[in-house]
PDB file of N, CA and C in Angstrom:
ATOM      1  N   MET A   1       0.806  -1.205   0.000  1.00  0.00           N
ATOM      2  CA  MET A   1       0.000   0.000   0.000  1.00  0.00           C
ATOM      3  C   MET A   1       0.849   1.269   0.000  1.00  0.00           C
ATOM      4  N   THR A   2       2.061   1.168   0.522  1.00  0.00           N
ATOM      5  CA  THR A   2       2.932   2.335   0.538  1.00  0.00           C
ATOM      6  C   THR A   2       3.200   2.820  -0.889  1.00  0.00           C
ATOM      7  N   SER A   3       3.363   1.876  -1.794  1.00  0.00           N
ATOM      8  CA  SER A   3       3.633   2.249  -3.187  1.00  0.00           C
ATOM      9  C   SER A   3       2.462   3.012  -3.790  1.00  0.00           C
ATOM     10  N   ILE A   4       1.251   2.597  -3.492  1.00  0.00           N
ATOM     11  CA  ILE A   4       0.074   3.279  -4.033  1.00  0.00           C
ATOM     12  C   ILE A   4      -0.018   4.698  -3.501  1.00  0.00           C
ATOM     13  N   ILE A   5       0.248   4.861  -2.217  1.00  0.00           N
ATOM     14  CA  ILE A   5       0.202   6.208  -1.627  1.00  0.00           C
ATOM     15  C   ILE A   5       1.293   7.092  -2.225  1.00  0.00           C
ATOM     16  N   GLN A   6       2.480   6.526  -2.435  1.00  0.00           N
ATOM     17  CA  GLN A   6       3.556   7.303  -3.042  1.00  0.00           C
ATOM     18  C   GLN A   6       3.223   7.685  -4.480  1.00  0.00           C
ATOM     19  N   ILE A   7       2.578   6.783  -5.214  1.00  0.00           N
ATOM     20  CA  ILE A   7       2.159   7.109  -6.579  1.00  0.00           C
ATOM     21  C   ILE A   7       1.104   8.213  -6.561  1.00  0.00           C
ATOM     22  N   LEU A   8       0.167   8.162  -5.617  1.00  0.00           N
ATOM     23  CA  LEU A   8      -0.837   9.228  -5.491  1.00  0.00           C
ATOM     24  C   LEU A   8      -0.182  10.562  -5.165  1.00  0.00           C
ATOM     25  N   PHE A   9       0.823  10.550  -4.269  1.00  0.00           N
ATOM     26  CA  PHE A   9       1.560  11.780  -3.958  1.00  0.00           C
ATOM     27  C   PHE A   9       2.257  12.314  -5.205  1.00  0.00           C
ATOM     28  N   LEU A  10       2.841  11.413  -5.997  1.00  0.00           N
ATOM     29  CA  LEU A  10       3.515  11.826  -7.228  1.00  0.00           C
ATOM     30  C   LEU A  10       2.524  12.465  -8.196  1.00  0.00           C
ATOM     31  N   LEU A  11       1.356  11.853  -8.371  1.00  0.00           N
ATOM     32  CA  LEU A  11       0.345  12.402  -9.266  1.00  0.00           C
ATOM     33  C   LEU A  11      -0.152  13.765  -8.775  1.00  0.00           C
ATOM     34  N   LEU A  12      -0.321  13.902  -7.461  1.00  0.00           N
ATOM     35  CA  LEU A  12      -0.737  15.194  -6.914  1.00  0.00           C
ATOM     36  C   LEU A  12       0.347  16.250  -7.099  1.00  0.00           C
ATOM     37  N   ASP A  13       1.619  15.859  -6.982  1.00  0.00           N
ATOM     38  CA  ASP A  13       2.713  16.798  -7.216  1.00  0.00           C
ATOM     39  C   ASP A  13       2.763  17.243  -8.673  1.00  0.00           C
ATOM     40  N   ILE A  14       2.524  16.310  -9.586  1.00  0.00           N
ATOM     41  CA  ILE A  14       2.500  16.663 -11.011  1.00  0.00           C
ATOM     42  C   ILE A  14       1.335  17.610 -11.298  1.00  0.00           C
ATOM     43  N   LEU A  15       0.171  17.325 -10.721  1.00  0.00           N
ATOM     44  CA  LEU A  15      -0.987  18.207 -10.895  1.00  0.00           C
ATOM     45  C   LEU A  15      -0.693  19.595 -10.337  1.00  0.00           C
ATOM     46  N   TRP A  16      -0.049  19.661  -9.170  1.00  0.00           N
ATOM     47  CA  TRP A  16       0.347  20.936  -8.558  1.00  0.00           C
ATOM     48  C   TRP A  16       1.241  21.715  -9.527  1.00  0.00           C
ATOM     49  N   PHE A  17       2.227  21.034 -10.127  1.00  0.00           N
ATOM     50  CA  PHE A  17       3.140  21.678 -11.072  1.00  0.00           C
ATOM     51  C   PHE A  17       2.375  22.195 -12.294  1.00  0.00           C
ATOM     52  N   PHE A  18       1.455  21.399 -12.831  1.00  0.00           N
ATOM     53  CA  PHE A  18       0.682  21.826 -13.995  1.00  0.00           C
ATOM     54  C   PHE A  18      -0.157  23.065 -13.684  1.00  0.00           C
ATOM     55  N   ILE A  19      -0.763  23.107 -12.502  1.00  0.00           N
ATOM     56  CA  ILE A  19      -1.582  24.268 -12.133  1.00  0.00           C
ATOM     57  C   ILE A  19      -0.712  25.518 -12.017  1.00  0.00           C
ATOM     58  N   ILE A  20       0.438  25.398 -11.353  1.00  0.00           N
ATOM     59  CA  ILE A  20       1.349  26.541 -11.220  1.00  0.00           C
ATOM     60  C   ILE A  20       1.837  26.996 -12.593  1.00  0.00           C
ATOM     61  N   ALA A  21       2.205  26.051 -13.458  1.00  0.00           N
ATOM     62  CA  ALA A  21       2.667  26.400 -14.807  1.00  0.00           C
ATOM     63  C   ALA A  21       1.549  27.090 -15.597  1.00  0.00           C
ATOM     64  N   HIS A  22       0.323  26.628 -15.437  1.00  0.00           N
ATOM     65  CA  HIS A  22      -0.818  27.229 -16.141  1.00  0.00           C
ATOM     66  C   HIS A  22      -1.049  28.665 -15.672  1.00  0.00           C
ATOM     67  N   VAL A  23      -0.966  28.890 -14.373  1.00  0.00           N
ATOM     68  CA  VAL A  23      -1.166  30.243 -13.833  1.00  0.00           C
ATOM     69  C   VAL A  23      -0.067  31.180 -14.331  1.00  0.00           C
ATOM     70  N   ILE A  24       1.183  30.748 -14.242  1.00  0.00           N
ATOM     71  CA  ILE A  24       2.293  31.599 -14.684  1.00  0.00           C
ATOM     72  C   ILE A  24       2.192  31.876 -16.175  1.00  0.00           C
ATOM     73  N   MET A  25       1.858  30.841 -16.939  1.00  0.00           N
ATOM     74  CA  MET A  25       1.740  31.032 -18.382  1.00  0.00           C
ATOM     75  C   MET A  25       0.586  31.969 -18.727  1.00  0.00           C
ATOM     76  N   SER A  26      -0.516  31.894 -17.990  1.00  0.00           N
ATOM     77  CA  SER A  26      -1.632  32.807 -18.259  1.00  0.00           C
ATOM     78  C   SER A  26      -1.236  34.251 -17.966  1.00  0.00           C
ATOM     79  N   TRP A  27      -0.447  34.462 -16.924  1.00  0.00           N
ATOM     80  CA  TRP A  27       0.038  35.818 -16.646  1.00  0.00           C
ATOM     81  C   TRP A  27       0.956  36.306 -17.763  1.00  0.00           C
ATOM     82  N   LEU A  28       1.853  35.441 -18.215  1.00  0.00           N
ATOM     83  CA  LEU A  28       2.782  35.842 -19.274  1.00  0.00           C
ATOM     84  C   LEU A  28       2.049  36.126 -20.582  1.00  0.00           C
ATOM     85  N   ILE A  29       0.991  35.393 -20.856  1.00  0.00           N
ATOM     86  CA  ILE A  29       0.193  35.660 -22.051  1.00  0.00           C
ATOM     87  C   ILE A  29      -0.584  36.966 -21.882  1.00  0.00           C
ATOM     88  N   SER A  30      -1.117  37.202 -20.690  1.00  0.00           N
ATOM     89  CA  SER A  30      -1.885  38.431 -20.445  1.00  0.00           C
ATOM     90  C   SER A  30      -1.020  39.675 -20.575  1.00  0.00           C
ATOM     91  N   PHE A  31       0.235  39.585 -20.116  1.00  0.00           N
ATOM     92  CA  PHE A  31       1.138  40.732 -20.188  1.00  0.00           C
ATOM     93  C   PHE A  31       1.944  40.747 -21.483  1.00  0.00           C
ATOM     94  N   GLN A  32       1.558  39.914 -22.433  1.00  0.00           N
ATOM     95  CA  GLN A  32       2.133  39.838 -23.769  1.00  0.00           C
ATOM     96  C   GLN A  32       3.626  39.548 -23.770  1.00  0.00           C
ATOM     97  N   VAL A  33       4.060  38.776 -22.791  1.00  0.00           N
ATOM     98  CA  VAL A  33       5.434  38.286 -22.802  1.00  0.00           C
ATOM     99  C   VAL A  33       5.503  37.061 -23.715  1.00  0.00           C
ATOM    100  N   LEU A  34       4.449  36.235 -23.645  1.00  0.00           N
ATOM    101  CA  LEU A  34       4.320  35.096 -24.548  1.00  0.00           C
ATOM    102  C   LEU A  34       3.225  35.380 -25.555  1.00  0.00           C
ATOM    103  N   ASN A  35       3.411  34.834 -26.750  1.00  0.00           N
ATOM    104  CA  ASN A  35       2.460  35.053 -27.833  1.00  0.00           C
ATOM    105  C   ASN A  35       1.889  33.702 -28.250  1.00  0.00           C
ATOM    106  N   LEU A  36       0.571  33.593 -28.284  1.00  0.00           N
ATOM    107  CA  LEU A  36      -0.069  32.338 -28.672  1.00  0.00           C
ATOM    108  C   LEU A  36       0.069  32.035 -30.158  1.00  0.00           C
ATOM    109  N   HIS A  37       0.607  32.966 -30.946  1.00  0.00           N
ATOM    110  CA  HIS A  37       0.837  32.711 -32.364  1.00  0.00           C
ATOM    111  C   HIS A  37       2.089  31.861 -32.572  1.00  0.00           C
ATOM    112  N   GLN A  38       2.920  31.740 -31.535  1.00  0.00           N
ATOM    113  CA  GLN A  38       4.077  30.847 -31.620  1.00  0.00           C
ATOM    114  C   GLN A  38       3.587  29.423 -31.397  1.00  0.00           C
ATOM    115  N   GLN A  39       4.028  28.521 -32.245  1.00  0.00           N
ATOM    116  CA  GLN A  39       3.488  27.170 -32.240  1.00  0.00           C
ATOM    117  C   GLN A  39       3.751  26.444 -30.927  1.00  0.00           C
ATOM    118  N   LEU A  40       4.959  26.534 -30.387  1.00  0.00           N
ATOM    119  CA  LEU A  40       5.291  25.831 -29.143  1.00  0.00           C
ATOM    120  C   LEU A  40       4.464  26.357 -27.976  1.00  0.00           C
ATOM    121  N   VAL A  41       4.344  27.661 -27.890  1.00  0.00           N
ATOM    122  CA  VAL A  41       3.553  28.267 -26.817  1.00  0.00           C
ATOM    123  C   VAL A  41       2.095  27.841 -26.930  1.00  0.00           C
ATOM    124  N   ALA A  42       1.563  27.850 -28.131  1.00  0.00           N
ATOM    125  CA  ALA A  42       0.170  27.459 -28.339  1.00  0.00           C
ATOM    126  C   ALA A  42      -0.050  25.988 -27.990  1.00  0.00           C
ATOM    127  N   GLN A  43       0.907  25.113 -28.307  1.00  0.00           N
ATOM    128  CA  GLN A  43       0.769  23.693 -28.000  1.00  0.00           C
ATOM    129  C   GLN A  43       0.809  23.447 -26.490  1.00  0.00           C
ATOM    130  N   ILE A  44       1.727  24.121 -25.807  1.00  0.00           N
ATOM    131  CA  ILE A  44       1.819  23.966 -24.351  1.00  0.00           C
ATOM    132  C   ILE A  44       0.554  24.497 -23.686  1.00  0.00           C
ATOM    133  N   TRP A  45       0.071  25.651 -24.140  1.00  0.00           N
ATOM    134  CA  TRP A  45      -1.142  26.249 -23.583  1.00  0.00           C
ATOM    135  C   TRP A  45      -2.350  25.337 -23.794  1.00  0.00           C
ATOM    136  N   ASP A  46      -2.449  24.758 -24.992  1.00  0.00           N
ATOM    137  CA  ASP A  46      -3.551  23.852 -25.292  1.00  0.00           C
ATOM    138  C   ASP A  46      -3.471  22.596 -24.426  1.00  0.00           C
ATOM    139  N   MET A  47      -2.266  22.051 -24.252  1.00  0.00           N
ATOM    140  CA  MET A  47      -2.090  20.861 -23.418  1.00  0.00           C
ATOM    141  C   MET A  47      -2.509  21.134 -21.974  1.00  0.00           C
ATOM    142  N   LEU A  48      -2.062  22.253 -21.433  1.00  0.00           N
ATOM    143  CA  LEU A  48      -2.415  22.590 -20.054  1.00  0.00           C
ATOM    144  C   LEU A  48      -3.919  22.812 -19.911  1.00  0.00           C
ATOM    145  N   ASN A  49      -4.526  23.464 -20.893  1.00  0.00           N
ATOM    146  CA  ASN A  49      -5.975  23.676 -20.840  1.00  0.00           C
ATOM    147  C   ASN A  49      -6.732  22.357 -20.902  1.00  0.00           C
ATOM    148  N   ARG A  50      -6.292  21.427 -21.740  1.00  0.00           N
ATOM    149  CA  ARG A  50      -6.968  20.132 -21.852  1.00  0.00           C
ATOM    150  C   ARG A  50      -6.837  19.319 -20.574  1.00  0.00           C
ATOM    151  N   ILE A  51      -5.705  19.439 -19.904  1.00  0.00           N
ATOM    152  CA  ILE A  51      -5.497  18.695 -18.655  1.00  0.00           C
ATOM    153  C   ILE A  51      -6.289  19.312 -17.511  1.00  0.00           C
ATOM    154  N   LEU A  52      -6.290  20.633 -17.419  1.00  0.00           N
ATOM    155  CA  LEU A  52      -6.823  21.305 -16.237  1.00  0.00           C
ATOM    156  C   LEU A  52      -8.281  21.745 -16.364  1.00  0.00           C
ATOM    157  N   GLU A  53      -8.797  21.859 -17.550  1.00  0.00           N
ATOM    158  CA  GLU A  53     -10.180  22.325 -17.696  1.00  0.00           C
ATOM    159  C   GLU A  53     -11.193  21.391 -17.029  1.00  0.00           C
ATOM    160  N   PRO A  54     -11.028  20.055 -17.087  1.00  0.00           N
ATOM    161  CA  PRO A  54     -11.983  19.198 -16.355  1.00  0.00           C
ATOM    162  C   PRO A  54     -11.941  19.407 -14.842  1.00  0.00           C
ATOM    163  N   ILE A  55     -10.835  19.909 -14.335  1.00  0.00           N
ATOM    164  CA  ILE A  55     -10.732  20.202 -12.902  1.00  0.00           C
ATOM    165  C   ILE A  55     -11.325  21.577 -12.606  1.00  0.00           C
ATOM    166  N   TYR A  56     -11.053  22.544 -13.471  1.00  0.00           N
ATOM    167  CA  TYR A  56     -11.517  23.911 -13.246  1.00  0.00           C
ATOM    168  C   TYR A  56     -13.019  24.070 -13.455  1.00  0.00           C
ATOM    169  N   ARG A  57     -13.599  23.344 -14.407  1.00  0.00           N
ATOM    170  CA  ARG A  57     -15.004  23.541 -14.786  1.00  0.00           C
ATOM    171  C   ARG A  57     -15.966  23.415 -13.602  1.00  0.00           C
ATOM    172  N   PRO A  58     -15.896  22.332 -12.789  1.00  0.00           N
ATOM    173  CA  PRO A  58     -16.833  22.257 -11.655  1.00  0.00           C
ATOM    174  C   PRO A  58     -16.587  23.349 -10.610  1.00  0.00           C
ATOM    175  N   ILE A  59     -15.338  23.756 -10.473  1.00  0.00           N
ATOM    176  CA  ILE A  59     -15.016  24.814  -9.508  1.00  0.00           C
ATOM    177  C   ILE A  59     -15.607  26.135  -9.986  1.00  0.00           C
ATOM    178  N   ARG A  60     -15.502  26.410 -11.277  1.00  0.00           N
ATOM    179  CA  ARG A  60     -16.040  27.661 -11.832  1.00  0.00           C
ATOM    180  C   ARG A  60     -17.558  27.722 -11.736  1.00  0.00           C
ATOM    181  N   LYS A  61     -18.214  26.563 -11.780  1.00  0.00           N
ATOM    182  CA  LYS A  61     -19.675  26.550 -11.638  1.00  0.00           C
ATOM    183  C   LYS A  61     -20.096  26.954 -10.231  1.00  0.00           C
ATOM    184  N   ILE A  62     -19.273  26.623  -9.241  1.00  0.00           N
ATOM    185  CA  ILE A  62     -19.598  26.917  -7.843  1.00  0.00           C
ATOM    186  C   ILE A  62     -19.223  28.350  -7.474  1.00  0.00           C
ATOM    187  N   LEU A  63     -18.058  28.812  -7.940  1.00  0.00           N
ATOM    188  CA  LEU A  63     -17.589  30.154  -7.576  1.00  0.00           C
ATOM    189  C   LEU A  63     -18.421  31.234  -8.266  1.00  0.00           C
ATOM    190  N   PRO A  64     -18.683  32.314  -7.559  1.00  0.00           N
ATOM    191  CA  PRO A  64     -19.389  33.436  -8.207  1.00  0.00           C
ATOM    192  C   PRO A  64     -18.442  34.177  -9.149  1.00  0.00           C
ATOM    193  N   PRO A  65     -18.971  34.865 -10.163  1.00  0.00           N
ATOM    194  CA  PRO A  65     -18.108  35.646 -11.064  1.00  0.00           C
ATOM    195  C   PRO A  65     -17.381  36.749 -10.295  1.00  0.00           C
ATOM    196  N   MET A  66     -16.100  36.898 -10.588  1.00  0.00           N
ATOM    197  CA  MET A  66     -15.271  37.858  -9.846  1.00  0.00           C
ATOM    198  C   MET A  66     -14.741  38.967 -10.757  1.00  0.00           C
ATOM    199  N   SER A  67     -15.483  39.353 -11.773  1.00  0.00           N
ATOM    200  CA  SER A  67     -15.128  40.447 -12.691  1.00  0.00           C
ATOM    201  C   SER A  67     -13.728  40.289 -13.284  1.00  0.00           C
ATOM    202  N   GLY A  68     -13.498  39.165 -13.927  1.00  0.00           N
ATOM    203  CA  GLY A  68     -12.243  38.969 -14.645  1.00  0.00           C
ATOM    204  C   GLY A  68     -11.170  38.218 -13.886  1.00  0.00           C
ATOM    205  N   ILE A  69     -11.379  37.955 -12.624  1.00  0.00           N
ATOM    206  CA  ILE A  69     -10.390  37.228 -11.833  1.00  0.00           C
ATOM    207  C   ILE A  69     -10.857  35.782 -11.716  1.00  0.00           C
ATOM    208  N   ASP A  70      -9.987  34.869 -12.140  1.00  0.00           N
ATOM    209  CA  ASP A  70     -10.323  33.443 -12.094  1.00  0.00           C
ATOM    210  C   ASP A  70      -9.680  32.828 -10.854  1.00  0.00           C
ATOM    211  N   LEU A  71     -10.510  32.459  -9.892  1.00  0.00           N
ATOM    212  CA  LEU A  71     -10.010  31.858  -8.659  1.00  0.00           C
ATOM    213  C   LEU A  71     -10.006  30.337  -8.686  1.00  0.00           C
ATOM    214  N   ALA A  72     -10.399  29.749  -9.809  1.00  0.00           N
ATOM    215  CA  ALA A  72     -10.441  28.286  -9.917  1.00  0.00           C
ATOM    216  C   ALA A  72      -9.067  27.644  -9.694  1.00  0.00           C
ATOM    217  N   PRO A  73      -7.970  28.197 -10.238  1.00  0.00           N
ATOM    218  CA  PRO A  73      -6.667  27.580  -9.952  1.00  0.00           C
ATOM    219  C   PRO A  73      -6.299  27.621  -8.469  1.00  0.00           C
ATOM    220  N   LEU A  74      -6.643  28.704  -7.791  1.00  0.00           N
ATOM    221  CA  LEU A  74      -6.358  28.797  -6.359  1.00  0.00           C
ATOM    222  C   LEU A  74      -7.139  27.746  -5.578  1.00  0.00           C
ATOM    223  N   VAL A  75      -8.402  27.588  -5.900  1.00  0.00           N
ATOM    224  CA  VAL A  75      -9.227  26.587  -5.227  1.00  0.00           C
ATOM    225  C   VAL A  75      -8.710  25.185  -5.544  1.00  0.00           C
ATOM    226  N   ALA A  76      -8.267  24.966  -6.790  1.00  0.00           N
ATOM    227  CA  ALA A  76      -7.718  23.665  -7.164  1.00  0.00           C
ATOM    228  C   ALA A  76      -6.426  23.378  -6.401  1.00  0.00           C
ATOM    229  N   LEU A  77      -5.573  24.378  -6.240  1.00  0.00           N
ATOM    230  CA  LEU A  77      -4.335  24.193  -5.465  1.00  0.00           C
ATOM    231  C   LEU A  77      -4.642  23.853  -4.010  1.00  0.00           C
ATOM    232  N   ILE A  78      -5.614  24.549  -3.436  1.00  0.00           N
ATOM    233  CA  ILE A  78      -6.008  24.255  -2.055  1.00  0.00           C
ATOM    234  C   ILE A  78      -6.571  22.842  -1.963  1.00  0.00           C
ATOM    235  N   GLY A  79      -7.344  22.433  -2.965  1.00  0.00           N
ATOM    236  CA  GLY A  79      -7.893  21.082  -2.982  1.00  0.00           C
ATOM    237  C   GLY A  79      -6.817  20.016  -3.084  1.00  0.00           C
ATOM    238  N   VAL A  80      -5.823  20.245  -3.943  1.00  0.00           N
ATOM    239  CA  VAL A  80      -4.712  19.284  -4.072  1.00  0.00           C
ATOM    240  C   VAL A  80      -3.954  19.185  -2.762  1.00  0.00           C
ATOM    241  N   TYR A  81      -3.710  20.321  -2.140  1.00  0.00           N
ATOM    242  CA  TYR A  81      -2.987  20.315  -0.861  1.00  0.00           C
ATOM    243  C   TYR A  81      -3.808  19.620   0.221  1.00  0.00           C
ATOM    244  N   ALA A  82      -5.117  19.829   0.230  1.00  0.00           N
ATOM    245  CA  ALA A  82      -5.980  19.170   1.211  1.00  0.00           C
ATOM    246  C   ALA A  82      -5.973  17.655   1.015  1.00  0.00           C
ATOM    247  N   ILE A  83      -5.996  17.211  -0.237  1.00  0.00           N
ATOM    248  CA  ILE A  83      -5.939  15.773  -0.502  1.00  0.00           C
ATOM    249  C   ILE A  83      -4.617  15.191  -0.033  1.00  0.00           C
ATOM    250  N   ARG A  84      -3.529  15.932  -0.235  1.00  0.00           N
ATOM    251  CA  ARG A  84      -2.220  15.465   0.258  1.00  0.00           C
ATOM    252  C   ARG A  84      -2.228  15.324   1.781  1.00  0.00           C
ATOM    253  N   ILE A  85      -2.811  16.286   2.470  1.00  0.00           N
ATOM    254  CA  ILE A  85      -2.877  16.226   3.937  1.00  0.00           C
ATOM    255  C   ILE A  85      -3.716  15.031   4.379  1.00  0.00           C
ATOM    256  N   ILE A  86      -4.854  14.829   3.729  1.00  0.00           N
ATOM    257  CA  ILE A  86      -5.723  13.703   4.090  1.00  0.00           C
ATOM    258  C   ILE A  86      -5.002  12.383   3.866  1.00  0.00           C
ATOM    259  N   LEU A  87      -4.313  12.245   2.740  1.00  0.00           N
ATOM    260  CA  LEU A  87      -3.573  11.006   2.469  1.00  0.00           C
ATOM    261  C   LEU A  87      -2.450  10.796   3.471  1.00  0.00           C
ATOM    262  N   ALA A  88      -1.729  11.875   3.795  1.00  0.00           N
ATOM    263  CA  ALA A  88      -0.613  11.738   4.732  1.00  0.00           C
ATOM    264  C   ALA A  88      -1.106  11.370   6.133  1.00  0.00           C
ATOM    265  N   ASN A  89      -2.199  11.968   6.559  1.00  0.00           N
ATOM    266  CA  ASN A  89      -2.696  11.697   7.899  1.00  0.00           C
ATOM    267  C   ASN A  89      -3.349  10.309   8.023  1.00  0.00           C
ATOM    268  N   ASN A  90      -3.855   9.797   6.919  1.00  0.00           N
ATOM    269  CA  ASN A  90      -4.526   8.500   6.959  1.00  0.00           C
ATOM    270  C   ASN A  90      -3.710   7.386   6.325  1.00  0.00           C
ATOM    271  N   ALA A  91      -2.450   7.628   6.056  1.00  0.00           N
ATOM    272  CA  ALA A  91      -1.601   6.609   5.427  1.00  0.00           C
ATOM    273  C   ALA A  91      -1.441   5.395   6.317  1.00  0.00           C
ATOM    274  N   ALA A  92      -1.427   5.586   7.621  1.00  0.00           N
ATOM    275  CA  ALA A  92      -1.251   4.460   8.539  1.00  0.00           C
ATOM    276  C   ALA A  92      -2.440   3.486   8.474  1.00  0.00           C
ATOM    277  N   ALA A  93      -3.593   3.957   8.081  1.00  0.00           N
ATOM    278  CA  ALA A  93      -4.770   3.092   7.992  1.00  0.00           C
ATOM    279  C   ALA A  93      -4.667   2.106   6.839  1.00  0.00           C
ATOM    280  N   PHE A  94      -3.756   2.372   5.870  1.00  0.00           N
ATOM    281  CA  PHE A  94      -3.628   1.493   4.717  1.00  0.00           C
ATOM    282  C   PHE A  94      -2.620   0.372   4.930  1.00  0.00           C
ATOM    283  N   TYR A  95      -1.949   0.355   6.062  1.00  0.00           N
ATOM    284  CA  TYR A  95      -0.937  -0.699   6.303  1.00  0.00           C
ATOM    285  C   TYR A  95      -1.552  -1.907   6.935  1.00  0.00           C
TER     286      TYR A  95
END
């Protein structure tokens, strides 16, 4: 069972990295540091959107509109961290 918990931690860490990369990339696109007309940037942006949109969509349905500010990534980060805490605190129950 230790291996399964470690794999779950790894997947949560990868998800955490993708969310952070998506937020930073959205800021860079908003401030026109990155251009979506560049093929590599557009491919990375599309990949991150395809991975994270199924996570963000239910969160966006619950959150009220915030006049241009998207809090879904913040809520997703808090959710990932909460799942990590729950797994770490209950890991002994799986042995």
